[in-house]
Amino acid sequence: MALASVQELLEDDLFALLGIEEADEDKKAEVLAAMTQLVETRVINRVASEMNETDAAEFNRLAEAGDSDGLVKFLVDKEIDLPKVVSEEATRARVEFVELTRLAQEK
């Protein structure tokens, strides 16, 4: 079973939750891109915050360089459950976006 990507985790029913399922595709793509960026940033920050300074510096270096293979190897070596972290952060982002949308609609 393949792991869901950040985009897939966010996209699943997200538009219905936000009440924008009828929005045009450009608007949906814009919302999805913003949320994907938010989740990716949160994942990087969370993973780095759980490391010592040396490991965090190496992790950030690999992430900033876009070295996907090196990053995956590094995370496996450090026994970091990245799919779990991504899932948790994507869920948090979805909940926050839905709550913010509902608050905005109430006002």
PDB file of N, CA and C in Angstrom:
ATOM      1  N   MET A   1       0.845  -1.185   0.000  1.00  0.00           N
ATOM      2  CA  MET A   1       0.000   0.000   0.000  1.00  0.00           C
ATOM      3  C   MET A   1       0.884   1.239   0.000  1.00  0.00           C
ATOM      4  N   ALA A   2       0.691   2.106  -0.954  1.00  0.00           N
ATOM      5  CA  ALA A   2       1.504   3.320  -1.066  1.00  0.00           C
ATOM      6  C   ALA A   2       1.060   4.346  -0.033  1.00  0.00           C
ATOM      7  N   LEU A   3       2.022   5.094   0.471  1.00  0.00           N
ATOM      8  CA  LEU A   3       1.723   6.148   1.428  1.00  0.00           C
ATOM      9  C   LEU A   3       1.153   7.352   0.699  1.00  0.00           C
ATOM     10  N   ALA A   4       0.203   8.001   1.325  1.00  0.00           N
ATOM     11  CA  ALA A   4      -0.403   9.187   0.720  1.00  0.00           C
ATOM     12  C   ALA A   4       0.576  10.351   0.784  1.00  0.00           C
ATOM     13  N   SER A   5       0.571  11.152  -0.258  1.00  0.00           N
ATOM     14  CA  SER A   5       1.405  12.353  -0.266  1.00  0.00           C
ATOM     15  C   SER A   5       0.718  13.433   0.559  1.00  0.00           C
ATOM     16  N   VAL A   6       1.464  14.479   0.864  1.00  0.00           N
ATOM     17  CA  VAL A   6       0.881  15.603   1.584  1.00  0.00           C
ATOM     18  C   VAL A   6      -0.329  16.113   0.827  1.00  0.00           C
ATOM     19  N   GLN A   7      -0.191  16.268  -0.479  1.00  0.00           N
ATOM     20  CA  GLN A   7      -1.281  16.791  -1.293  1.00  0.00           C
ATOM     21  C   GLN A   7      -2.503  15.884  -1.213  1.00  0.00           C
ATOM     22  N   GLU A   8      -2.307  14.578  -1.288  1.00  0.00           N
ATOM     23  CA  GLU A   8      -3.439  13.651  -1.230  1.00  0.00           C
ATOM     24  C   GLU A   8      -4.129  13.703   0.128  1.00  0.00           C
ATOM     25  N   LEU A   9      -3.335  13.790   1.204  1.00  0.00           N
ATOM     26  CA  LEU A   9      -3.917  13.885   2.537  1.00  0.00           C
ATOM     27  C   LEU A   9      -4.745  15.153   2.697  1.00  0.00           C
ATOM     28  N   LEU A  10      -4.272  16.229   2.117  1.00  0.00           N
ATOM     29  CA  LEU A  10      -4.982  17.499   2.237  1.00  0.00           C
ATOM     30  C   LEU A  10      -6.200  17.562   1.336  1.00  0.00           C
ATOM     31  N   GLU A  11      -6.089  16.991   0.153  1.00  0.00           N
ATOM     32  CA  GLU A  11      -7.134  17.131  -0.858  1.00  0.00           C
ATOM     33  C   GLU A  11      -8.372  16.312  -0.536  1.00  0.00           C
ATOM     34  N   ASP A  12      -8.208  15.180   0.119  1.00  0.00           N
ATOM     35  CA  ASP A  12      -9.309  14.280   0.399  1.00  0.00           C
ATOM     36  C   ASP A  12     -10.406  14.991   1.194  1.00  0.00           C
ATOM     37  N   ASP A  13     -11.521  15.278   0.563  1.00  0.00           N
ATOM     38  CA  ASP A  13     -12.677  15.926   1.170  1.00  0.00           C
ATOM     39  C   ASP A  13     -12.405  17.330   1.701  1.00  0.00           C
ATOM     40  N   LEU A  14     -11.234  17.865   1.499  1.00  0.00           N
ATOM     41  CA  LEU A  14     -10.895  19.187   2.017  1.00  0.00           C
ATOM     42  C   LEU A  14     -11.834  20.252   1.465  1.00  0.00           C
ATOM     43  N   PHE A  15     -12.075  20.210   0.190  1.00  0.00           N
ATOM     44  CA  PHE A  15     -12.892  21.249  -0.432  1.00  0.00           C
ATOM     45  C   PHE A  15     -14.323  21.223   0.107  1.00  0.00           C
ATOM     46  N   ALA A  16     -14.840  20.037   0.372  1.00  0.00           N
ATOM     47  CA  ALA A  16     -16.172  19.943   0.976  1.00  0.00           C
ATOM     48  C   ALA A  16     -16.139  20.483   2.399  1.00  0.00           C
ATOM     49  N   LEU A  17     -15.108  20.137   3.158  1.00  0.00           N
ATOM     50  CA  LEU A  17     -14.983  20.631   4.537  1.00  0.00           C
ATOM     51  C   LEU A  17     -14.913  22.151   4.583  1.00  0.00           C
ATOM     52  N   LEU A  18     -14.248  22.730   3.598  1.00  0.00           N
ATOM     53  CA  LEU A  18     -14.107  24.183   3.546  1.00  0.00           C
ATOM     54  C   LEU A  18     -15.301  24.863   2.881  1.00  0.00           C
ATOM     55  N   GLY A  19     -16.203  24.049   2.332  1.00  0.00           N
ATOM     56  CA  GLY A  19     -17.369  24.614   1.664  1.00  0.00           C
ATOM     57  C   GLY A  19     -17.056  25.247   0.327  1.00  0.00           C
ATOM     58  N   ILE A  20     -15.974  24.779  -0.313  1.00  0.00           N
ATOM     59  CA  ILE A  20     -15.596  25.354  -1.606  1.00  0.00           C
ATOM     60  C   ILE A  20     -15.558  24.306  -2.718  1.00  0.00           C
ATOM     61  N   GLU A  21     -16.348  23.244  -2.536  1.00  0.00           N
ATOM     62  CA  GLU A  21     -16.316  22.184  -3.554  1.00  0.00           C
ATOM     63  C   GLU A  21     -16.786  22.661  -4.918  1.00  0.00           C
ATOM     64  N   GLU A  22     -17.545  23.751  -4.961  1.00  0.00           N
ATOM     65  CA  GLU A  22     -18.029  24.303  -6.228  1.00  0.00           C
ATOM     66  C   GLU A  22     -17.093  25.373  -6.801  1.00  0.00           C
ATOM     67  N   ALA A  23     -16.019  25.688  -6.094  1.00  0.00           N
ATOM     68  CA  ALA A  23     -15.072  26.708  -6.572  1.00  0.00           C
ATOM     69  C   ALA A  23     -14.400  26.228  -7.855  1.00  0.00           C
ATOM     70  N   ASP A  24     -13.888  27.184  -8.630  1.00  0.00           N
ATOM     71  CA  ASP A  24     -13.207  26.798  -9.869  1.00  0.00           C
ATOM     72  C   ASP A  24     -11.871  26.120  -9.531  1.00  0.00           C
ATOM     73  N   GLU A  25     -11.357  25.406 -10.490  1.00  0.00           N
ATOM     74  CA  GLU A  25     -10.149  24.604 -10.283  1.00  0.00           C
ATOM     75  C   GLU A  25      -8.934  25.453  -9.903  1.00  0.00           C
ATOM     76  N   ASP A  26      -8.847  26.671 -10.435  1.00  0.00           N
ATOM     77  CA  ASP A  26      -7.727  27.552 -10.089  1.00  0.00           C
ATOM     78  C   ASP A  26      -7.751  27.907  -8.606  1.00  0.00           C
ATOM     79  N   LYS A  27      -8.925  28.194  -8.080  1.00  0.00           N
ATOM     80  CA  LYS A  27      -9.065  28.546  -6.659  1.00  0.00           C
ATOM     81  C   LYS A  27      -8.722  27.338  -5.790  1.00  0.00           C
ATOM     82  N   LYS A  28      -9.189  26.168  -6.181  1.00  0.00           N
ATOM     83  CA  LYS A  28      -8.882  24.942  -5.434  1.00  0.00           C
ATOM     84  C   LYS A  28      -7.378  24.681  -5.429  1.00  0.00           C
ATOM     85  N   ALA A  29      -6.750  24.866  -6.573  1.00  0.00           N
ATOM     86  CA  ALA A  29      -5.304  24.651  -6.683  1.00  0.00           C
ATOM     87  C   ALA A  29      -4.557  25.637  -5.789  1.00  0.00           C
ATOM     88  N   GLU A  30      -5.032  26.863  -5.715  1.00  0.00           N
ATOM     89  CA  GLU A  30      -4.403  27.885  -4.874  1.00  0.00           C
ATOM     90  C   GLU A  30      -4.496  27.512  -3.388  1.00  0.00           C
ATOM     91  N   VAL A  31      -5.663  27.066  -2.953  1.00  0.00           N
ATOM     92  CA  VAL A  31      -5.856  26.648  -1.559  1.00  0.00           C
ATOM     93  C   VAL A  31      -4.976  25.443  -1.249  1.00  0.00           C
ATOM     94  N   LEU A  32      -4.973  24.488  -2.148  1.00  0.00           N
ATOM     95  CA  LEU A  32      -4.188  23.273  -1.942  1.00  0.00           C
ATOM     96  C   LEU A  32      -2.688  23.572  -1.886  1.00  0.00           C
ATOM     97  N   ALA A  33      -2.218  24.452  -2.740  1.00  0.00           N
ATOM     98  CA  ALA A  33      -0.793  24.818  -2.737  1.00  0.00           C
ATOM     99  C   ALA A  33      -0.404  25.494  -1.426  1.00  0.00           C
ATOM    100  N   ALA A  34      -1.266  26.377  -0.937  1.00  0.00           N
ATOM    101  CA  ALA A  34      -0.979  27.064   0.332  1.00  0.00           C
ATOM    102  C   ALA A  34      -0.933  26.078   1.487  1.00  0.00           C
ATOM    103  N   MET A  35      -1.866  25.154   1.517  1.00  0.00           N
ATOM    104  CA  MET A  35      -1.884  24.175   2.603  1.00  0.00           C
ATOM    105  C   MET A  35      -0.719  23.200   2.500  1.00  0.00           C
ATOM    106  N   THR A  36      -0.374  22.811   1.297  1.00  0.00           N
ATOM    107  CA  THR A  36       0.760  21.895   1.115  1.00  0.00           C
ATOM    108  C   THR A  36       2.043  22.538   1.618  1.00  0.00           C
ATOM    109  N   GLN A  37       2.246  23.796   1.282  1.00  0.00           N
ATOM    110  CA  GLN A  37       3.431  24.524   1.743  1.00  0.00           C
ATOM    111  C   GLN A  37       3.443  24.619   3.267  1.00  0.00           C
ATOM    112  N   LEU A  38       2.301  24.910   3.849  1.00  0.00           N
ATOM    113  CA  LEU A  38       2.191  25.003   5.304  1.00  0.00           C
ATOM    114  C   LEU A  38       2.556  23.683   5.971  1.00  0.00           C
ATOM    115  N   VAL A  39       2.011  22.586   5.467  1.00  0.00           N
ATOM    116  CA  VAL A  39       2.279  21.270   6.059  1.00  0.00           C
ATOM    117  C   VAL A  39       3.743  20.894   5.895  1.00  0.00           C
ATOM    118  N   GLU A  40       4.304  21.123   4.723  1.00  0.00           N
ATOM    119  CA  GLU A  40       5.714  20.791   4.503  1.00  0.00           C
ATOM    120  C   GLU A  40       6.612  21.576   5.465  1.00  0.00           C
ATOM    121  N   THR A  41       6.300  22.857   5.662  1.00  0.00           N
ATOM    122  CA  THR A  41       7.078  23.687   6.588  1.00  0.00           C
ATOM    123  C   THR A  41       6.945  23.171   8.011  1.00  0.00           C
ATOM    124  N   ARG A  42       5.734  22.825   8.403  1.00  0.00           N
ATOM    125  CA  ARG A  42       5.517  22.301   9.756  1.00  0.00           C
ATOM    126  C   ARG A  42       6.245  20.983   9.975  1.00  0.00           C
ATOM    127  N   VAL A  43       6.230  20.125   8.970  1.00  0.00           N
ATOM    128  CA  VAL A  43       6.915  18.835   9.086  1.00  0.00           C
ATOM    129  C   VAL A  43       8.411  19.056   9.273  1.00  0.00           C
ATOM    130  N   ILE A  44       8.983  19.904   8.447  1.00  0.00           N
ATOM    131  CA  ILE A  44      10.424  20.184   8.547  1.00  0.00           C
ATOM    132  C   ILE A  44      10.757  20.763   9.917  1.00  0.00           C
ATOM    133  N   ASN A  45       9.973  21.729  10.377  1.00  0.00           N
ATOM    134  CA  ASN A  45      10.227  22.338  11.681  1.00  0.00           C
ATOM    135  C   ASN A  45      10.060  21.347  12.825  1.00  0.00           C
ATOM    136  N   ARG A  46       9.048  20.521  12.747  1.00  0.00           N
ATOM    137  CA  ARG A  46       8.815  19.543  13.816  1.00  0.00           C
ATOM    138  C   ARG A  46       9.932  18.516  13.879  1.00  0.00           C
ATOM    139  N   VAL A  47      10.307  17.987  12.727  1.00  0.00           N
ATOM    140  CA  VAL A  47      11.372  16.983  12.698  1.00  0.00           C
ATOM    141  C   VAL A  47      12.673  17.597  13.206  1.00  0.00           C
ATOM    142  N   ALA A  48      13.002  18.783  12.741  1.00  0.00           N
ATOM    143  CA  ALA A  48      14.243  19.440  13.164  1.00  0.00           C
ATOM    144  C   ALA A  48      14.230  19.745  14.660  1.00  0.00           C
ATOM    145  N   SER A  49      13.064  20.104  15.198  1.00  0.00           N
ATOM    146  CA  SER A  49      12.992  20.451  16.624  1.00  0.00           C
ATOM    147  C   SER A  49      13.195  19.241  17.535  1.00  0.00           C
ATOM    148  N   GLU A  50      13.023  18.059  17.006  1.00  0.00           N
ATOM    149  CA  GLU A  50      13.180  16.844  17.795  1.00  0.00           C
ATOM    150  C   GLU A  50      14.600  16.278  17.712  1.00  0.00           C
ATOM    151  N   MET A  51      15.499  16.996  17.050  1.00  0.00           N
ATOM    152  CA  MET A  51      16.877  16.529  16.859  1.00  0.00           C
ATOM    153  C   MET A  51      17.846  17.384  17.667  1.00  0.00           C
ATOM    154  N   ASN A  52      19.043  16.811  17.868  1.00  0.00           N
ATOM    155  CA  ASN A  52      20.087  17.636  18.464  1.00  0.00           C
ATOM    156  C   ASN A  52      20.575  18.627  17.406  1.00  0.00           C
ATOM    157  N   GLU A  53      21.392  19.584  17.813  1.00  0.00           N
ATOM    158  CA  GLU A  53      21.818  20.655  16.898  1.00  0.00           C
ATOM    159  C   GLU A  53      22.530  20.142  15.653  1.00  0.00           C
ATOM    160  N   THR A  54      23.414  19.175  15.832  1.00  0.00           N
ATOM    161  CA  THR A  54      24.181  18.639  14.704  1.00  0.00           C
ATOM    162  C   THR A  54      23.269  17.970  13.689  1.00  0.00           C
ATOM    163  N   ASP A  55      22.360  17.116  14.179  1.00  0.00           N
ATOM    164  CA  ASP A  55      21.434  16.426  13.284  1.00  0.00           C
ATOM    165  C   ASP A  55      20.468  17.415  12.622  1.00  0.00           C
ATOM    166  N   ALA A  56      20.002  18.389  13.395  1.00  0.00           N
ATOM    167  CA  ALA A  56      19.079  19.387  12.843  1.00  0.00           C
ATOM    168  C   ALA A  56      19.754  20.188  11.725  1.00  0.00           C
ATOM    169  N   ALA A  57      21.015  20.532  11.908  1.00  0.00           N
ATOM    170  CA  ALA A  57      21.747  21.277  10.879  1.00  0.00           C
ATOM    171  C   ALA A  57      21.881  20.443   9.603  1.00  0.00           C
ATOM    172  N   GLU A  58      22.191  19.166   9.758  1.00  0.00           N
ATOM    173  CA  GLU A  58      22.315  18.276   8.591  1.00  0.00           C
ATOM    174  C   GLU A  58      20.957  18.096   7.917  1.00  0.00           C
ATOM    175  N   PHE A  59      19.923  17.912   8.699  1.00  0.00           N
ATOM    176  CA  PHE A  59      18.573  17.767   8.169  1.00  0.00           C
ATOM    177  C   PHE A  59      18.180  19.014   7.370  1.00  0.00           C
ATOM    178  N   ASN A  60      18.403  20.177   7.939  1.00  0.00           N
ATOM    179  CA  ASN A  60      18.072  21.430   7.251  1.00  0.00           C
ATOM    180  C   ASN A  60      18.897  21.607   5.983  1.00  0.00           C
ATOM    181  N   ARG A  61      20.163  21.222   6.027  1.00  0.00           N
ATOM    182  CA  ARG A  61      21.020  21.326   4.850  1.00  0.00           C
ATOM    183  C   ARG A  61      20.470  20.468   3.717  1.00  0.00           C
ATOM    184  N   LEU A  62      20.114  19.231   4.037  1.00  0.00           N
ATOM    185  CA  LEU A  62      19.572  18.324   3.025  1.00  0.00           C
ATOM    186  C   LEU A  62      18.235  18.835   2.488  1.00  0.00           C
ATOM    187  N   ALA A  63      17.383  19.342   3.385  1.00  0.00           N
ATOM    188  CA  ALA A  63      16.071  19.842   2.972  1.00  0.00           C
ATOM    189  C   ALA A  63      16.219  21.061   2.065  1.00  0.00           C
ATOM    190  N   GLU A  64      17.084  21.993   2.449  1.00  0.00           N
ATOM    191  CA  GLU A  64      17.283  23.209   1.654  1.00  0.00           C
ATOM    192  C   GLU A  64      17.920  22.905   0.304  1.00  0.00           C
ATOM    193  N   ALA A  65      18.766  21.872   0.255  1.00  0.00           N
ATOM    194  CA  ALA A  65      19.421  21.496  -0.998  1.00  0.00           C
ATOM    195  C   ALA A  65      18.481  20.717  -1.917  1.00  0.00           C
ATOM    196  N   GLY A  66      17.337  20.290  -1.378  1.00  0.00           N
ATOM    197  CA  GLY A  66      16.403  19.509  -2.176  1.00  0.00           C
ATOM    198  C   GLY A  66      16.898  18.102  -2.450  1.00  0.00           C
ATOM    199  N   ASP A  67      17.766  17.598  -1.567  1.00  0.00           N
ATOM    200  CA  ASP A  67      18.350  16.259  -1.710  1.00  0.00           C
ATOM    201  C   ASP A  67      17.381  15.218  -1.139  1.00  0.00           C
ATOM    202  N   SER A  68      16.381  14.846  -1.932  1.00  0.00           N
ATOM    203  CA  SER A  68      15.344  13.919  -1.471  1.00  0.00           C
ATOM    204  C   SER A  68      15.910  12.579  -1.039  1.00  0.00           C
ATOM    205  N   ASP A  69      16.817  12.011  -1.848  1.00  0.00           N
ATOM    206  CA  ASP A  69      17.390  10.712  -1.511  1.00  0.00           C
ATOM    207  C   ASP A  69      18.192  10.786  -0.215  1.00  0.00           C
ATOM    208  N   GLY A  70      19.013  11.830  -0.088  1.00  0.00           N
ATOM    209  CA  GLY A  70      19.803  12.002   1.127  1.00  0.00           C
ATOM    210  C   GLY A  70      18.927  12.232   2.339  1.00  0.00           C
ATOM    211  N   LEU A  71      17.841  12.965   2.155  1.00  0.00           N
ATOM    212  CA  LEU A  71      16.911  13.253   3.234  1.00  0.00           C
ATOM    213  C   LEU A  71      16.211  11.981   3.704  1.00  0.00           C
ATOM    214  N   VAL A  72      15.755  11.184   2.768  1.00  0.00           N
ATOM    215  CA  VAL A  72      15.094   9.923   3.120  1.00  0.00           C
ATOM    216  C   VAL A  72      16.056   9.016   3.871  1.00  0.00           C
ATOM    217  N   LYS A  73      17.280   8.876   3.372  1.00  0.00           N
ATOM    218  CA  LYS A  73      18.280   8.038   4.040  1.00  0.00           C
ATOM    219  C   LYS A  73      18.561   8.560   5.449  1.00  0.00           C
ATOM    220  N   PHE A  74      18.709   9.862   5.579  1.00  0.00           N
ATOM    221  CA  PHE A  74      18.975  10.476   6.876  1.00  0.00           C
ATOM    222  C   PHE A  74      17.846  10.164   7.859  1.00  0.00           C
ATOM    223  N   LEU A  75      16.604  10.338   7.420  1.00  0.00           N
ATOM    224  CA  LEU A  75      15.457  10.095   8.297  1.00  0.00           C
ATOM    225  C   LEU A  75      15.331   8.627   8.686  1.00  0.00           C
ATOM    226  N   VAL A  76      15.607   7.738   7.730  1.00  0.00           N
ATOM    227  CA  VAL A  76      15.577   6.303   8.035  1.00  0.00           C
ATOM    228  C   VAL A  76      16.663   5.973   9.050  1.00  0.00           C
ATOM    229  N   ASP A  77      17.874   6.513   8.839  1.00  0.00           N
ATOM    230  CA  ASP A  77      18.973   6.277   9.772  1.00  0.00           C
ATOM    231  C   ASP A  77      18.644   6.770  11.176  1.00  0.00           C
ATOM    232  N   LYS A  78      17.892   7.866  11.270  1.00  0.00           N
ATOM    233  CA  LYS A  78      17.536   8.460  12.571  1.00  0.00           C
ATOM    234  C   LYS A  78      16.243   7.861  13.132  1.00  0.00           C
ATOM    235  N   GLU A  79      15.665   6.910  12.413  1.00  0.00           N
ATOM    236  CA  GLU A  79      14.439   6.217  12.819  1.00  0.00           C
ATOM    237  C   GLU A  79      13.280   7.183  13.063  1.00  0.00           C
ATOM    238  N   ILE A  80      13.129   8.135  12.153  1.00  0.00           N
ATOM    239  CA  ILE A  80      12.036   9.098  12.225  1.00  0.00           C
ATOM    240  C   ILE A  80      10.908   8.595  11.328  1.00  0.00           C
ATOM    241  N   ASP A  81       9.728   8.475  11.895  1.00  0.00           N
ATOM    242  CA  ASP A  81       8.562   7.976  11.173  1.00  0.00           C
ATOM    243  C   ASP A  81       7.913   9.142  10.417  1.00  0.00           C
ATOM    244  N   LEU A  82       8.496   9.467   9.275  1.00  0.00           N
ATOM    245  CA  LEU A  82       8.041  10.616   8.497  1.00  0.00           C
ATOM    246  C   LEU A  82       6.581  10.505   8.060  1.00  0.00           C
ATOM    247  N   PRO A  83       6.117   9.356   7.581  1.00  0.00           N
ATOM    248  CA  PRO A  83       4.696   9.279   7.201  1.00  0.00           C
ATOM    249  C   PRO A  83       3.765   9.631   8.362  1.00  0.00           C
ATOM    250  N   LYS A  84       4.127   9.223   9.559  1.00  0.00           N
ATOM    251  CA  LYS A  84       3.309   9.546  10.739  1.00  0.00           C
ATOM    252  C   LYS A  84       3.313  11.052  11.000  1.00  0.00           C
ATOM    253  N   VAL A  85       4.485  11.672  10.935  1.00  0.00           N
ATOM    254  CA  VAL A  85       4.594  13.111  11.167  1.00  0.00           C
ATOM    255  C   VAL A  85       3.806  13.876  10.109  1.00  0.00           C
ATOM    256  N   VAL A  86       3.936  13.486   8.851  1.00  0.00           N
ATOM    257  CA  VAL A  86       3.207  14.148   7.761  1.00  0.00           C
ATOM    258  C   VAL A  86       1.703  14.012   7.978  1.00  0.00           C
ATOM    259  N   SER A  87       1.252  12.836   8.316  1.00  0.00           N
ATOM    260  CA  SER A  87      -0.169  12.608   8.548  1.00  0.00           C
ATOM    261  C   SER A  87      -0.691  13.466   9.695  1.00  0.00           C
ATOM    262  N   GLU A  88       0.049  13.510  10.787  1.00  0.00           N
ATOM    263  CA  GLU A  88      -0.372  14.316  11.936  1.00  0.00           C
ATOM    264  C   GLU A  88      -0.424  15.806  11.598  1.00  0.00           C
ATOM    265  N   GLU A  89       0.592  16.289  10.909  1.00  0.00           N
ATOM    266  CA  GLU A  89       0.620  17.718  10.572  1.00  0.00           C
ATOM    267  C   GLU A  89      -0.436  18.075   9.527  1.00  0.00           C
ATOM    268  N   ALA A  90      -0.688  17.177   8.587  1.00  0.00           N
ATOM    269  CA  ALA A  90      -1.734  17.425   7.591  1.00  0.00           C
ATOM    270  C   ALA A  90      -3.100  17.468   8.270  1.00  0.00           C
ATOM    271  N   THR A  91      -3.310  16.581   9.219  1.00  0.00           N
ATOM    272  CA  THR A  91      -4.576  16.568   9.955  1.00  0.00           C
ATOM    273  C   THR A  91      -4.747  17.843  10.757  1.00  0.00           C
ATOM    274  N   ARG A  92      -3.686  18.278  11.437  1.00  0.00           N
ATOM    275  CA  ARG A  92      -3.757  19.528  12.201  1.00  0.00           C
ATOM    276  C   ARG A  92      -4.083  20.715  11.284  1.00  0.00           C
ATOM    277  N   ALA A  93      -3.439  20.755  10.141  1.00  0.00           N
ATOM    278  CA  ALA A  93      -3.671  21.861   9.204  1.00  0.00           C
ATOM    279  C   ALA A  93      -5.111  21.856   8.707  1.00  0.00           C
ATOM    280  N   ARG A  94      -5.624  20.687   8.383  1.00  0.00           N
ATOM    281  CA  ARG A  94      -7.018  20.583   7.917  1.00  0.00           C
ATOM    282  C   ARG A  94      -7.973  21.105   8.976  1.00  0.00           C
ATOM    283  N   VAL A  95      -7.776  20.660  10.215  1.00  0.00           N
ATOM    284  CA  VAL A  95      -8.654  21.079  11.314  1.00  0.00           C
ATOM    285  C   VAL A  95      -8.587  22.596  11.488  1.00  0.00           C
ATOM    286  N   GLU A  96      -7.375  23.145  11.472  1.00  0.00           N
ATOM    287  CA  GLU A  96      -7.209  24.587  11.647  1.00  0.00           C
ATOM    288  C   GLU A  96      -7.851  25.375  10.505  1.00  0.00           C
ATOM    289  N   PHE A  97      -7.657  24.923   9.276  1.00  0.00           N
ATOM    290  CA  PHE A  97      -8.246  25.622   8.132  1.00  0.00           C
ATOM    291  C   PHE A  97      -9.768  25.583   8.196  1.00  0.00           C
ATOM    292  N   VAL A  98     -10.323  24.433   8.551  1.00  0.00           N
ATOM    293  CA  VAL A  98     -11.778  24.310   8.643  1.00  0.00           C
ATOM    294  C   VAL A  98     -12.314  25.213   9.746  1.00  0.00           C
ATOM    295  N   GLU A  99     -11.651  25.222  10.905  1.00  0.00           N
ATOM    296  CA  GLU A  99     -12.086  26.082  12.018  1.00  0.00           C
ATOM    297  C   GLU A  99     -12.013  27.559  11.628  1.00  0.00           C
ATOM    298  N   LEU A 100     -10.929  27.958  10.975  1.00  0.00           N
ATOM    299  CA  LEU A 100     -10.785  29.350  10.546  1.00  0.00           C
ATOM    300  C   LEU A 100     -11.852  29.728   9.522  1.00  0.00           C
ATOM    301  N   THR A 101     -12.132  28.826   8.607  1.00  0.00           N
ATOM    302  CA  THR A 101     -13.149  29.080   7.592  1.00  0.00           C
ATOM    303  C   THR A 101     -14.524  29.238   8.232  1.00  0.00           C
ATOM    304  N   ARG A 102     -14.826  28.370   9.185  1.00  0.00           N
ATOM    305  CA  ARG A 102     -16.122  28.463   9.863  1.00  0.00           C
ATOM    306  C   ARG A 102     -16.234  29.747  10.670  1.00  0.00           C
ATOM    307  N   LEU A 103     -15.156  30.136  11.339  1.00  0.00           N
ATOM    308  CA  LEU A 103     -15.166  31.396  12.098  1.00  0.00           C
ATOM    309  C   LEU A 103     -15.395  32.584  11.175  1.00  0.00           C
ATOM    310  N   ALA A 104     -14.722  32.567  10.025  1.00  0.00           N
ATOM    311  CA  ALA A 104     -14.849  33.664   9.067  1.00  0.00           C
ATOM    312  C   ALA A 104     -16.274  33.742   8.506  1.00  0.00           C
ATOM    313  N   GLN A 105     -16.904  32.593   8.308  1.00  0.00           N
ATOM    314  CA  GLN A 105     -18.248  32.578   7.770  1.00  0.00           C
ATOM    315  C   GLN A 105     -19.288  33.035   8.789  1.00  0.00           C
ATOM    316  N   GLU A 106     -18.992  32.872  10.083  1.00  0.00           N
ATOM    317  CA  GLU A 106     -19.907  33.282  11.144  1.00  0.00           C
ATOM    318  C   GLU A 106     -19.931  34.779  11.332  1.00  0.00           C
ATOM    319  N   LYS A 107     -18.864  35.464  10.914  1.00  0.00           N
ATOM    320  CA  LYS A 107     -18.767  36.906  11.150  1.00  0.00           C
ATOM    321  C   LYS A 107     -19.343  37.705  10.034  1.00  0.00           C
TER     322      LYS A 107
END
